[in-house]
Each structure stands twice: as C-alpha cells, then as structure tokens.
PDB file of N, CA and C in Angstrom:
ATOM      1  N   MET A   1      51.016  53.717 101.694  1.00  0.00           N
ATOM      2  CA  MET A   1      49.609  53.752 101.318  1.00  0.00           C
ATOM      3  C   MET A   1      48.768  53.975 102.577  1.00  0.00           C
ATOM      4  N   ALA A   2      47.649  54.595 102.415  1.00  0.00           N
ATOM      5  CA  ALA A   2      46.762  54.890 103.545  1.00  0.00           C
ATOM      6  C   ALA A   2      45.366  54.359 103.239  1.00  0.00           C
ATOM      7  N   VAL A   3      44.505  54.440 104.237  1.00  0.00           N
ATOM      8  CA  VAL A   3      43.119  54.021 104.055  1.00  0.00           C
ATOM      9  C   VAL A   3      42.452  54.957 103.049  1.00  0.00           C
ATOM     10  N   ASP A   4      41.723  54.395 102.136  1.00  0.00           N
ATOM     11  CA  ASP A   4      41.034  55.174 101.101  1.00  0.00           C
ATOM     12  C   ASP A   4      40.068  56.166 101.743  1.00  0.00           C
ATOM     13  N   ARG A   5      40.162  57.405 101.332  1.00  0.00           N
ATOM     14  CA  ARG A   5      39.322  58.474 101.882  1.00  0.00           C
ATOM     15  C   ARG A   5      37.838  58.200 101.686  1.00  0.00           C
ATOM     16  N   ARG A   6      37.490  57.559 100.580  1.00  0.00           N
ATOM     17  CA  ARG A   6      36.076  57.238 100.329  1.00  0.00           C
ATOM     18  C   ARG A   6      35.547  56.249 101.362  1.00  0.00           C
ATOM     19  N   LEU A   7      36.402  55.319 101.795  1.00  0.00           N
ATOM     20  CA  LEU A   7      36.000  54.370 102.828  1.00  0.00           C
ATOM     21  C   LEU A   7      35.813  55.101 104.155  1.00  0.00           C
ATOM     22  N   ILE A   8      36.736  55.972 104.496  1.00  0.00           N
ATOM     23  CA  ILE A   8      36.645  56.733 105.746  1.00  0.00           C
ATOM     24  C   ILE A   8      35.333  57.511 105.806  1.00  0.00           C
ATOM     25  N   GLU A   9      34.910  58.072 104.688  1.00  0.00           N
ATOM     26  CA  GLU A   9      33.670  58.843 104.648  1.00  0.00           C
ATOM     27  C   GLU A   9      32.438  57.984 104.940  1.00  0.00           C
ATOM     28  N   LEU A  10      32.532  56.684 104.712  1.00  0.00           N
ATOM     29  CA  LEU A  10      31.399  55.777 104.934  1.00  0.00           C
ATOM     30  C   LEU A  10      31.352  55.206 106.352  1.00  0.00           C
ATOM     31  N   LEU A  11      32.487  55.190 107.029  1.00  0.00           N
ATOM     32  CA  LEU A  11      32.563  54.532 108.332  1.00  0.00           C
ATOM     33  C   LEU A  11      31.939  55.361 109.444  1.00  0.00           C
ATOM     34  N   VAL A  12      31.346  54.654 110.407  1.00  0.00           N
ATOM     35  CA  VAL A  12      30.866  55.242 111.656  1.00  0.00           C
ATOM     36  C   VAL A  12      31.306  54.319 112.784  1.00  0.00           C
ATOM     37  N   CYS A  13      31.285  54.803 113.984  1.00  0.00           N
ATOM     38  CA  CYS A  13      31.645  54.009 115.145  1.00  0.00           C
ATOM     39  C   CYS A  13      30.614  52.898 115.326  1.00  0.00           C
ATOM     40  N   PRO A  14      31.043  51.638 115.420  1.00  0.00           N
ATOM     41  CA  PRO A  14      30.083  50.561 115.608  1.00  0.00           C
ATOM     42  C   PRO A  14      29.451  50.545 117.001  1.00  0.00           C
ATOM     43  N   ALA A  15      30.072  51.214 117.970  1.00  0.00           N
ATOM     44  CA  ALA A  15      29.532  51.220 119.332  1.00  0.00           C
ATOM     45  C   ALA A  15      28.397  52.229 119.493  1.00  0.00           C
ATOM     46  N   CYS A  16      28.571  53.440 118.931  1.00  0.00           N
ATOM     47  CA  CYS A  16      27.566  54.488 119.172  1.00  0.00           C
ATOM     48  C   CYS A  16      27.033  55.126 117.887  1.00  0.00           C
ATOM     49  N   ARG A  17      27.559  54.697 116.743  1.00  0.00           N
ATOM     50  CA  ARG A  17      27.168  55.240 115.423  1.00  0.00           C
ATOM     51  C   ARG A  17      27.634  56.686 115.230  1.00  0.00           C
ATOM     52  N   GLY A  18      28.602  57.112 116.033  1.00  0.00           N
ATOM     53  CA  GLY A  18      29.136  58.473 115.923  1.00  0.00           C
ATOM     54  C   GLY A  18      30.094  58.620 114.752  1.00  0.00           C
ATOM     55  N   ALA A  19      30.364  59.867 114.407  1.00  0.00           N
ATOM     56  CA  ALA A  19      31.322  60.191 113.347  1.00  0.00           C
ATOM     57  C   ALA A  19      32.733  59.824 113.799  1.00  0.00           C
ATOM     58  N   ILE A  20      33.598  59.564 112.822  1.00  0.00           N
ATOM     59  CA  ILE A  20      34.962  59.171 113.150  1.00  0.00           C
ATOM     60  C   ILE A  20      35.967  60.141 112.522  1.00  0.00           C
ATOM     61  N   GLU A  21      37.178  60.141 113.077  1.00  0.00           N
ATOM     62  CA  GLU A  21      38.308  60.870 112.511  1.00  0.00           C
ATOM     63  C   GLU A  21      39.426  59.874 112.278  1.00  0.00           C
ATOM     64  N   TYR A  22      40.062  59.973 111.110  1.00  0.00           N
ATOM     65  CA  TYR A  22      41.170  59.085 110.782  1.00  0.00           C
ATOM     66  C   TYR A  22      42.471  59.808 111.079  1.00  0.00           C
ATOM     67  N   LYS A  23      43.343  59.163 111.839  1.00  0.00           N
ATOM     68  CA  LYS A  23      44.660  59.706 112.189  1.00  0.00           C
ATOM     69  C   LYS A  23      45.719  58.797 111.558  1.00  0.00           C
ATOM     70  N   PRO A  24      46.097  59.066 110.294  1.00  0.00           N
ATOM     71  CA  PRO A  24      46.993  58.138 109.589  1.00  0.00           C
ATOM     72  C   PRO A  24      48.367  57.979 110.243  1.00  0.00           C
ATOM     73  N   ARG A  25      48.924  59.020 110.788  1.00  0.00           N
ATOM     74  CA  ARG A  25      50.254  58.912 111.409  1.00  0.00           C
ATOM     75  C   ARG A  25      50.240  58.026 112.641  1.00  0.00           C
ATOM     76  N   ARG A  26      49.100  57.970 113.319  1.00  0.00           N
ATOM     77  CA  ARG A  26      48.969  57.144 114.527  1.00  0.00           C
ATOM     78  C   ARG A  26      48.309  55.802 114.236  1.00  0.00           C
ATOM     79  N   SER A  27      47.899  55.592 112.986  1.00  0.00           N
ATOM     80  CA  SER A  27      47.195  54.374 112.569  1.00  0.00           C
ATOM     81  C   SER A  27      45.979  54.115 113.457  1.00  0.00           C
ATOM     82  N   LEU A  28      45.175  55.173 113.614  1.00  0.00           N
ATOM     83  CA  LEU A  28      43.987  55.101 114.465  1.00  0.00           C
ATOM     84  C   LEU A  28      42.789  55.729 113.784  1.00  0.00           C
ATOM     85  N   ILE A  29      41.632  55.213 114.145  1.00  0.00           N
ATOM     86  CA  ILE A  29      40.363  55.849 113.834  1.00  0.00           C
ATOM     87  C   ILE A  29      39.724  56.147 115.183  1.00  0.00           C
ATOM     88  N   ILE A  30      39.360  57.405 115.398  1.00  0.00           N
ATOM     89  CA  ILE A  30      38.845  57.843 116.690  1.00  0.00           C
ATOM     90  C   ILE A  30      37.405  58.306 116.533  1.00  0.00           C
ATOM     91  N   CYS A  31      36.533  57.810 117.398  1.00  0.00           N
ATOM     92  CA  CYS A  31      35.141  58.244 117.400  1.00  0.00           C
ATOM     93  C   CYS A  31      35.058  59.612 118.059  1.00  0.00           C
ATOM     94  N   THR A  32      34.382  60.538 117.403  1.00  0.00           N
ATOM     95  CA  THR A  32      34.266  61.897 117.941  1.00  0.00           C
ATOM     96  C   THR A  32      33.222  61.998 119.047  1.00  0.00           C
ATOM     97  N   GLN A  33      32.396  60.959 119.228  1.00  0.00           N
ATOM     98  CA  GLN A  33      31.367  60.995 120.276  1.00  0.00           C
ATOM     99  C   GLN A  33      31.774  60.218 121.523  1.00  0.00           C
ATOM    100  N   CYS A  34      32.098  58.946 121.364  1.00  0.00           N
ATOM    101  CA  CYS A  34      32.393  58.124 122.553  1.00  0.00           C
ATOM    102  C   CYS A  34      33.887  57.973 122.812  1.00  0.00           C
ATOM    103  N   ASP A  35      34.734  58.467 121.911  1.00  0.00           N
ATOM    104  CA  ASP A  35      36.187  58.498 122.063  1.00  0.00           C
ATOM    105  C   ASP A  35      36.856  57.127 122.000  1.00  0.00           C
ATOM    106  N   LEU A  36      36.145  56.103 121.522  1.00  0.00           N
ATOM    107  CA  LEU A  36      36.798  54.820 121.303  1.00  0.00           C
ATOM    108  C   LEU A  36      37.799  54.975 120.169  1.00  0.00           C
ATOM    109  N   ARG A  37      38.893  54.229 120.262  1.00  0.00           N
ATOM    110  CA  ARG A  37      39.958  54.293 119.262  1.00  0.00           C
ATOM    111  C   ARG A  37      40.125  52.923 118.628  1.00  0.00           C
ATOM    112  N   TYR A  38      39.988  52.901 117.309  1.00  0.00           N
ATOM    113  CA  TYR A  38      40.066  51.664 116.552  1.00  0.00           C
ATOM    114  C   TYR A  38      41.385  51.625 115.794  1.00  0.00           C
ATOM    115  N   PRO A  39      42.081  50.478 115.820  1.00  0.00           N
ATOM    116  CA  PRO A  39      43.358  50.387 115.127  1.00  0.00           C
ATOM    117  C   PRO A  39      43.183  50.275 113.616  1.00  0.00           C
ATOM    118  N   VAL A  40      44.211  50.696 112.910  1.00  0.00           N
ATOM    119  CA  VAL A  40      44.297  50.483 111.470  1.00  0.00           C
ATOM    120  C   VAL A  40      45.536  49.607 111.267  1.00  0.00           C
ATOM    121  N   ARG A  41      45.336  48.418 110.727  1.00  0.00           N
ATOM    122  CA  ARG A  41      46.432  47.471 110.524  1.00  0.00           C
ATOM    123  C   ARG A  41      46.578  47.175 109.033  1.00  0.00           C
ATOM    124  N   ASP A  42      47.769  47.381 108.527  1.00  0.00           N
ATOM    125  CA  ASP A  42      48.043  47.154 107.107  1.00  0.00           C
ATOM    126  C   ASP A  42      47.037  47.898 106.229  1.00  0.00           C
ATOM    127  N   ASP A  43      46.753  49.148 106.612  1.00  0.00           N
ATOM    128  CA  ASP A  43      45.824  50.025 105.885  1.00  0.00           C
ATOM    129  C   ASP A  43      44.386  49.515 105.875  1.00  0.00           C
ATOM    130  N   ILE A  44      44.038  48.673 106.852  1.00  0.00           N
ATOM    131  CA  ILE A  44      42.674  48.158 106.975  1.00  0.00           C
ATOM    132  C   ILE A  44      42.122  48.565 108.343  1.00  0.00           C
ATOM    133  N   PRO A  45      41.032  49.355 108.363  1.00  0.00           N
ATOM    134  CA  PRO A  45      40.431  49.721 109.643  1.00  0.00           C
ATOM    135  C   PRO A  45      39.833  48.504 110.335  1.00  0.00           C
ATOM    136  N   VAL A  46      40.166  48.331 111.592  1.00  0.00           N
ATOM    137  CA  VAL A  46      39.624  47.222 112.384  1.00  0.00           C
ATOM    138  C   VAL A  46      38.521  47.817 113.256  1.00  0.00           C
ATOM    139  N   MET A  47      37.318  47.848 112.707  1.00  0.00           N
ATOM    140  CA  MET A  47      36.184  48.508 113.356  1.00  0.00           C
ATOM    141  C   MET A  47      35.379  47.514 114.194  1.00  0.00           C
ATOM    142  N   LEU A  48      36.062  46.876 115.124  1.00  0.00           N
ATOM    143  CA  LEU A  48      35.435  45.933 116.041  1.00  0.00           C
ATOM    144  C   LEU A  48      35.520  46.520 117.442  1.00  0.00           C
ATOM    145  N   VAL A  49      34.406  46.564 118.144  1.00  0.00           N
ATOM    146  CA  VAL A  49      34.385  47.122 119.497  1.00  0.00           C
ATOM    147  C   VAL A  49      35.372  46.369 120.387  1.00  0.00           C
ATOM    148  N   GLU A  50      35.518  45.068 120.164  1.00  0.00           N
ATOM    149  CA  GLU A  50      36.438  44.265 120.970  1.00  0.00           C
ATOM    150  C   GLU A  50      37.897  44.683 120.784  1.00  0.00           C
ATOM    151  N   GLU A  51      38.221  45.297 119.667  1.00  0.00           N
ATOM    152  CA  GLU A  51      39.586  45.733 119.374  1.00  0.00           C
ATOM    153  C   GLU A  51      39.816  47.194 119.756  1.00  0.00           C
ATOM    154  N   ALA A  52      38.773  47.903 120.091  1.00  0.00           N
ATOM    155  CA  ALA A  52      38.872  49.331 120.402  1.00  0.00           C
ATOM    156  C   ALA A  52      39.471  49.549 121.790  1.00  0.00           C
ATOM    157  N   THR A  53      40.084  50.710 121.959  1.00  0.00           N
ATOM    158  CA  THR A  53      40.625  51.109 123.261  1.00  0.00           C
ATOM    159  C   THR A  53      40.112  52.503 123.595  1.00  0.00           C
ATOM    160  N   ARG A  54      40.226  52.861 124.853  1.00  0.00           N
ATOM    161  CA  ARG A  54      39.900  54.219 125.298  1.00  0.00           C
ATOM    162  C   ARG A  54      41.206  54.918 125.618  1.00  0.00           C
ATOM    163  N   PRO A  55      41.238  56.235 125.475  1.00  0.00           N
ATOM    164  CA  PRO A  55      42.467  56.947 125.821  1.00  0.00           C
ATOM    165  C   PRO A  55      42.696  56.896 127.326  1.00  0.00           C
ATOM    166  N   PRO A  56      43.946  56.989 127.743  1.00  0.00           N
ATOM    167  CA  PRO A  56      44.194  57.024 129.191  1.00  0.00           C
ATOM    168  C   PRO A  56      43.578  58.279 129.790  1.00  0.00           C
ATOM    169  N   THR A  57      43.031  58.129 130.979  1.00  0.00           N
ATOM    170  CA  THR A  57      42.437  59.289 131.646  1.00  0.00           C
ATOM    171  C   THR A  57      43.530  60.085 132.342  1.00  0.00           C
ATOM    172  N   ARG A  58      43.396  61.373 132.305  1.00  0.00           N
ATOM    173  CA  ARG A  58      44.379  62.251 132.937  1.00  0.00           C
ATOM    174  C   ARG A  58      43.842  62.758 134.258  1.00  0.00           C
ATOM    175  N   GLY A  59      44.717  62.891 135.217  1.00  0.00           N
ATOM    176  CA  GLY A  59      44.341  63.473 136.496  1.00  0.00           C
ATOM    177  C   GLY A  59      43.312  62.669 137.246  1.00  0.00           C
ATOM    178  N   ARG A  60      43.430  61.361 137.206  1.00  0.00           N
ATOM    179  CA  ARG A  60      42.487  60.525 137.948  1.00  0.00           C
ATOM    180  C   ARG A  60      42.569  60.838 139.429  1.00  0.00           C
ATOM    181  N   SER A  61      41.423  60.984 140.052  1.00  0.00           N
ATOM    182  CA  SER A  61      41.423  61.217 141.501  1.00  0.00           C
ATOM    183  C   SER A  61      41.482  59.887 142.204  1.00  0.00           C
ATOM    184  N   ARG A  62      42.183  59.852 143.275  1.00  0.00           N
ATOM    185  CA  ARG A  62      42.293  58.620 144.055  1.00  0.00           C
ATOM    186  C   ARG A  62      41.353  58.716 145.224  1.00  0.00           C
ATOM    187  N   GLY A  63      40.419  57.784 145.258  1.00  0.00           N
ATOM    188  CA  GLY A  63      39.336  57.853 146.171  1.00  0.00           C
ATOM    189  C   GLY A  63      39.534  57.403 147.519  1.00  0.00           C
TER     190      GLY A  63
END
C-alpha cells in the first residue's frame, strides 16, 4: 500500500510551503523548492521539519 494520492495533492512543505514530490520506492517526500526530504513511515508522511533531512552535498570544497 502507498500514500493516498489525494493526500499527496494536499501536502506542502511545512518549512517553506513549497510543492512536494512523493517518491514511493524511496519512502520519501521531497520539497521541490528547499529540497528537504521527509520520511514516509508505514504509509504515513512524517511532515515535521525536525524529521526532515537534506541530501548530501556533492563536490564540497575544502576551505
């Protein structure tokens, strides 16, 4: 079972109010504006900023 599509259509990022994308295979909801990633646990989106993560940065320069 997956998150109901009607629920996904209603959700926005709680941090910036941006649109989200649901990635069912990765059990993630990703904000298209600020790139925060929210987990989906037992088919329930956990839309708490405290639970969100950012993707790892690539090619970090060492200062």
